[in-house]
Amino acid sequence: GAAGGDDEEEEVRRMLGKLLGSEKMGLEECRAMICRFDLNGDGVLSFDEFRVMMMANL
């Protein structure tokens, strides 16, 4: 949610960095990736959107 957005964004960035082998993924790069897979445009990745993103990066 909005209250924990910064912590949540940081956690997602850290997780994406580990999964993609890029510990130093930048915030803008992370946001761009989220936007690319945010299919309903709500600014948040649902589980299904996250799954699509992970499958695309394998």
C-alpha atoms as a PDB file:
ATOM      1  CA  GLY A   1       0.000   0.000   0.000  1.00  0.00           C
ATOM      2  CA  ALA A   2       0.901   3.672   0.003  1.00  0.00           C
ATOM      3  CA  ALA A   3       2.133   3.671   3.611  1.00  0.00           C
ATOM      4  CA  GLY A   4       4.728   0.949   3.038  1.00  0.00           C
ATOM      5  CA  GLY A   5       5.392   1.742  -0.606  1.00  0.00           C
ATOM      6  CA  ASP A   6       9.059   2.678  -0.221  1.00  0.00           C
ATOM      7  CA  ASP A   7       9.928  -0.439   1.758  1.00  0.00           C
ATOM      8  CA  GLU A   8       7.957  -2.585  -0.657  1.00  0.00           C
ATOM      9  CA  GLU A   9       9.667  -1.019  -3.664  1.00  0.00           C
ATOM     10  CA  GLU A  10      13.096  -1.575  -2.104  1.00  0.00           C
ATOM     11  CA  GLU A  11      12.252  -5.206  -1.359  1.00  0.00           C
ATOM     12  CA  VAL A  12      11.066  -5.806  -4.931  1.00  0.00           C
ATOM     13  CA  ARG A  13      14.210  -4.142  -6.296  1.00  0.00           C
ATOM     14  CA  ARG A  14      16.422  -6.331  -4.104  1.00  0.00           C
ATOM     15  CA  MET A  15      14.520  -9.484  -5.091  1.00  0.00           C
ATOM     16  CA  LEU A  16      14.661  -8.660  -8.808  1.00  0.00           C
ATOM     17  CA  GLY A  17      18.375  -7.983  -8.517  1.00  0.00           C
ATOM     18  CA  LYS A  18      18.967 -11.409  -6.984  1.00  0.00           C
ATOM     19  CA  LEU A  19      16.729 -13.212  -9.466  1.00  0.00           C
ATOM     20  CA  LEU A  20      18.265 -11.496 -12.470  1.00  0.00           C
ATOM     21  CA  GLY A  21      21.837 -11.686 -11.194  1.00  0.00           C
ATOM     22  CA  SER A  22      22.171  -7.919 -10.903  1.00  0.00           C
ATOM     23  CA  GLU A  23      22.567  -6.901  -7.263  1.00  0.00           C
ATOM     24  CA  LYS A  24      23.019  -3.283  -8.310  1.00  0.00           C
ATOM     25  CA  MET A  25      19.812  -2.886 -10.293  1.00  0.00           C
ATOM     26  CA  GLY A  26      18.925   0.795 -10.261  1.00  0.00           C
ATOM     27  CA  LEU A  27      15.625   2.165  -9.047  1.00  0.00           C
ATOM     28  CA  GLU A  28      14.700   3.525 -12.472  1.00  0.00           C
ATOM     29  CA  GLU A  29      15.523   0.184 -14.099  1.00  0.00           C
ATOM     30  CA  CYS A  30      13.348  -1.560 -11.548  1.00  0.00           C
ATOM     31  CA  ARG A  31      10.469   0.875 -12.100  1.00  0.00           C
ATOM     32  CA  ALA A  32      10.765   0.467 -15.862  1.00  0.00           C
ATOM     33  CA  MET A  33      10.574  -3.303 -15.495  1.00  0.00           C
ATOM     34  CA  ILE A  34       7.535  -3.052 -13.229  1.00  0.00           C
ATOM     35  CA  CYS A  35       5.828  -0.697 -15.695  1.00  0.00           C
ATOM     36  CA  ARG A  36       6.543  -3.111 -18.529  1.00  0.00           C
ATOM     37  CA  PHE A  37       4.769  -5.956 -16.742  1.00  0.00           C
ATOM     38  CA  ASP A  38       2.079  -3.944 -14.924  1.00  0.00           C
ATOM     39  CA  LEU A  39      -0.624  -5.167 -17.272  1.00  0.00           C
ATOM     40  CA  ASN A  40      -3.560  -3.413 -15.607  1.00  0.00           C
ATOM     41  CA  GLY A  41      -1.650  -0.144 -15.087  1.00  0.00           C
ATOM     42  CA  ASP A  42      -2.259   0.151 -11.334  1.00  0.00           C
ATOM     43  CA  GLY A  43       1.433   0.661 -10.515  1.00  0.00           C
ATOM     44  CA  VAL A  44       1.606  -2.577  -8.521  1.00  0.00           C
ATOM     45  CA  LEU A  45       2.552  -6.022  -9.755  1.00  0.00           C
ATOM     46  CA  SER A  46      -0.083  -8.620  -8.976  1.00  0.00           C
ATOM     47  CA  PHE A  47       1.043 -12.188  -8.476  1.00  0.00           C
ATOM     48  CA  ASP A  48       0.021 -13.063 -12.032  1.00  0.00           C
ATOM     49  CA  GLU A  49       1.922 -10.077 -13.451  1.00  0.00           C
ATOM     50  CA  PHE A  50       4.961 -10.990 -11.351  1.00  0.00           C
ATOM     51  CA  ARG A  51       4.784 -14.571 -12.616  1.00  0.00           C
ATOM     52  CA  VAL A  52       4.657 -13.353 -16.241  1.00  0.00           C
ATOM     53  CA  MET A  53       7.712 -11.174 -15.563  1.00  0.00           C
ATOM     54  CA  MET A  54       9.663 -14.078 -14.040  1.00  0.00           C
ATOM     55  CA  MET A  55       8.793 -16.377 -16.936  1.00  0.00           C
ATOM     56  CA  ALA A  56       9.901 -13.708 -19.430  1.00  0.00           C
ATOM     57  CA  ASN A  57      13.301 -13.476 -17.697  1.00  0.00           C
ATOM     58  CA  LEU A  58      14.088 -17.200 -17.652  1.00  0.00           C
END
